Protein backbone atom coordinates (compact mmCIF):
# COMPACT_ATOMS: atom_id res chain seq x y z
CA MET A 1 81.96 102.35 96.82
CA CYS A 2 81.42 102.54 100.63
CA ILE A 3 81.98 105.38 102.93
CA VAL A 4 85.60 104.93 104.71
CA SER A 5 85.51 104.89 108.53
CA ASP A 6 86.83 107.56 110.07
CA LYS A 7 88.27 104.90 112.20
CA ILE A 8 90.52 103.31 109.50
CA LYS A 9 93.58 101.91 110.62
CA LEU A 10 96.57 101.31 108.25
CA CYS A 11 98.26 97.77 109.22
CA SER A 12 101.44 96.63 108.34
CA CYS A 13 100.67 93.03 109.05
CA LYS A 14 102.96 90.90 107.12
CA THR A 15 101.79 89.80 103.50
CA ASP A 16 104.30 89.07 100.75
CA ASN A 17 102.99 91.36 97.98
CA THR A 18 99.57 93.46 97.49
CA GLU A 19 98.47 91.52 94.29
CA LYS A 20 95.93 89.32 96.15
CA LEU A 21 94.38 92.49 98.80
CA ASN A 22 91.72 93.63 97.61
CA HIS A 23 92.22 96.96 99.87
CA TYR A 24 96.03 98.10 100.75
CA TRP A 25 98.55 100.89 101.13
CA ILE A 26 101.84 101.35 99.98
CA LEU A 27 104.30 104.06 101.39
CA HIS A 28 106.58 105.50 98.54
CA ARG A 29 109.93 107.56 99.55
CA TYR A 30 111.18 110.10 96.99
CA ASP A 31 114.91 108.74 95.97
CA LYS A 32 116.94 111.30 94.35
CA THR A 33 119.23 108.48 92.47
CA ILE A 34 115.74 107.33 91.00
CA ASN A 35 115.53 109.16 87.59
CA THR A 36 113.93 106.96 85.21
CA ILE A 37 111.48 107.67 82.32
CA THR A 38 108.55 105.56 82.07
CA LEU A 39 105.99 105.35 79.04
CA GLY A 40 102.52 103.99 79.14
CA THR A 41 98.93 104.43 78.92
CA PRO A 42 97.19 107.22 81.50
CA ILE A 43 94.25 105.65 83.29
CA LEU A 44 91.18 107.73 84.47
CA PRO A 45 91.41 108.93 87.88
CA SER A 46 89.36 107.36 90.09
CA GLU A 47 88.06 110.80 91.42
CA PHE A 48 85.57 110.78 87.93
CA SER A 49 84.09 107.38 88.40
CA GLU A 50 83.39 107.01 91.95
CA LYS A 51 80.46 108.50 93.75
CA HIS A 52 81.90 108.94 97.46
CA PHE A 53 85.57 110.14 96.06
CA ASN A 54 85.56 113.62 97.61
CA LEU A 55 83.74 112.83 100.90
CA ASN A 56 86.35 109.38 101.23
CA LYS A 57 89.40 111.64 99.95
CA GLU A 58 88.22 114.16 103.03
CA ARG A 59 87.72 111.37 105.76
CA LEU A 60 91.05 109.77 104.84
CA LEU A 61 92.99 112.93 105.26
CA LYS A 62 91.70 113.83 108.42
CA ARG A 63 92.57 110.37 109.91
CA LEU A 64 96.15 110.02 108.35
CA ASN A 65 96.99 113.18 110.69
CA GLU A 66 95.82 111.39 113.65
CA ALA A 67 98.54 110.15 115.39
CA ASP A 68 96.85 106.47 115.90
CA ALA A 69 96.45 105.86 112.01
CA PHE A 70 99.15 103.62 111.57
CA ASP A 71 99.51 100.55 113.68
CA ILE A 72 103.14 100.99 113.77
CA PRO A 73 105.51 104.36 114.17
CA ILE A 74 106.72 105.68 111.14
CA LYS A 75 109.42 108.32 110.81
CA PHE A 76 107.90 110.23 107.63
CA LYS A 77 110.03 112.00 105.54
CA ALA A 78 109.07 115.81 103.28
CA LYS A 79 107.82 114.08 99.93
CA ASP A 80 106.64 110.75 100.99
CA LYS A 81 103.69 109.83 99.16
CA LEU A 82 101.24 107.25 100.38
CA ILE A 83 99.03 105.45 98.07
CA LEU A 84 95.54 104.02 99.22
CA ILE A 85 94.05 101.53 96.95
CA PHE A 86 90.50 100.35 97.30
CA ASN A 87 88.70 97.36 95.31
CA ASN A 88 92.02 96.40 93.85
CA LEU A 89 90.73 92.69 93.09
CA SER A 90 87.72 94.11 91.29
CA ALA A 91 87.07 92.55 87.67
CA ASP A 92 85.93 96.24 86.39
CA ASP A 93 89.14 98.72 86.70
CA LEU A 94 86.68 101.53 87.11
CA ASN A 95 85.92 99.90 90.69
CA ARG A 96 89.29 100.42 91.49
CA VAL A 97 89.93 103.60 93.50
CA ILE A 98 92.97 105.26 94.16
CA TYR A 99 93.86 108.13 96.84
CA CYS A 100 97.06 109.41 97.17
CA PHE A 101 98.87 111.92 99.77
CA ARG A 102 102.04 113.35 100.26
CA PHE A 103 104.18 114.31 103.63
CA LYS A 104 104.83 118.16 103.62
CA ASN A 105 105.33 120.15 106.42
CA ARG A 106 105.30 117.24 109.23
CA LYS A 107 101.57 116.44 107.84
CA TRP A 108 99.66 114.49 104.92
CA ILE A 109 98.37 116.73 102.23
CA VAL A 110 96.03 115.80 99.15
CA GLU A 111 97.83 114.85 96.06
CA SER A 112 97.09 114.09 92.42
CA PHE A 113 98.07 110.23 91.55
CA ASP A 114 100.72 110.01 89.11
CA ALA A 115 101.91 106.29 88.66
CA PHE A 116 104.81 107.24 86.39
CA GLU A 117 106.14 109.80 88.88
CA LEU A 118 105.85 107.18 91.33
CA MET A 119 108.07 104.73 89.28
CA ASP A 120 110.70 107.38 88.09
CA HIS A 121 111.46 108.88 91.30
CA TYR A 122 110.16 106.71 94.47
CA GLN A 123 111.16 103.37 96.14
CA GLU A 124 108.45 101.47 97.62
CA LEU A 125 109.10 101.43 101.45
CA VAL A 126 106.46 99.88 103.34
CA PHE A 127 102.91 98.57 102.75
CA GLY A 128 100.20 96.82 104.40
CA LYS A 129 96.43 96.41 104.69
CA PHE A 130 93.61 98.05 106.40
CA LYS A 131 91.45 97.55 109.58
CA ASP A 132 88.06 98.77 110.17
CA THR A 133 87.80 99.96 106.20
CA TYR A 134 84.15 100.78 105.95
CA SER A 135 81.41 102.70 107.91
CA LYS A 136 78.45 102.39 105.70
CA ILE A 137 77.63 100.23 102.80
CA PHE A 138 75.37 101.22 100.49
């Protein structure tokens, strides 16, 4: 994967779903009324397979905590989770990279991605794609 731009913008551009997007983001909101149990097979985290994972994670975290990271104002709540997905359309699942952040004390922090937790306790609130995705291509 490439190095993520430090000017990346999370765009709420109109799109029907994320299935056809190569790079996208989804904001999930905790819902205490959702309490299901999902069974499945775990997927190897991106951090073990992606060369620039930690560099991009830190760059994304810094950018998310800047006032203009989103193209629209969003009122975040504690426990909100933001998932950023890159290379979604790759033929090889190992090229798909997922970053997860949680909103806590009025700022984003890094969180481990847990698809089961999202399915069992969160609602999808809004999603979109990125503008200015990469600063360099290797």
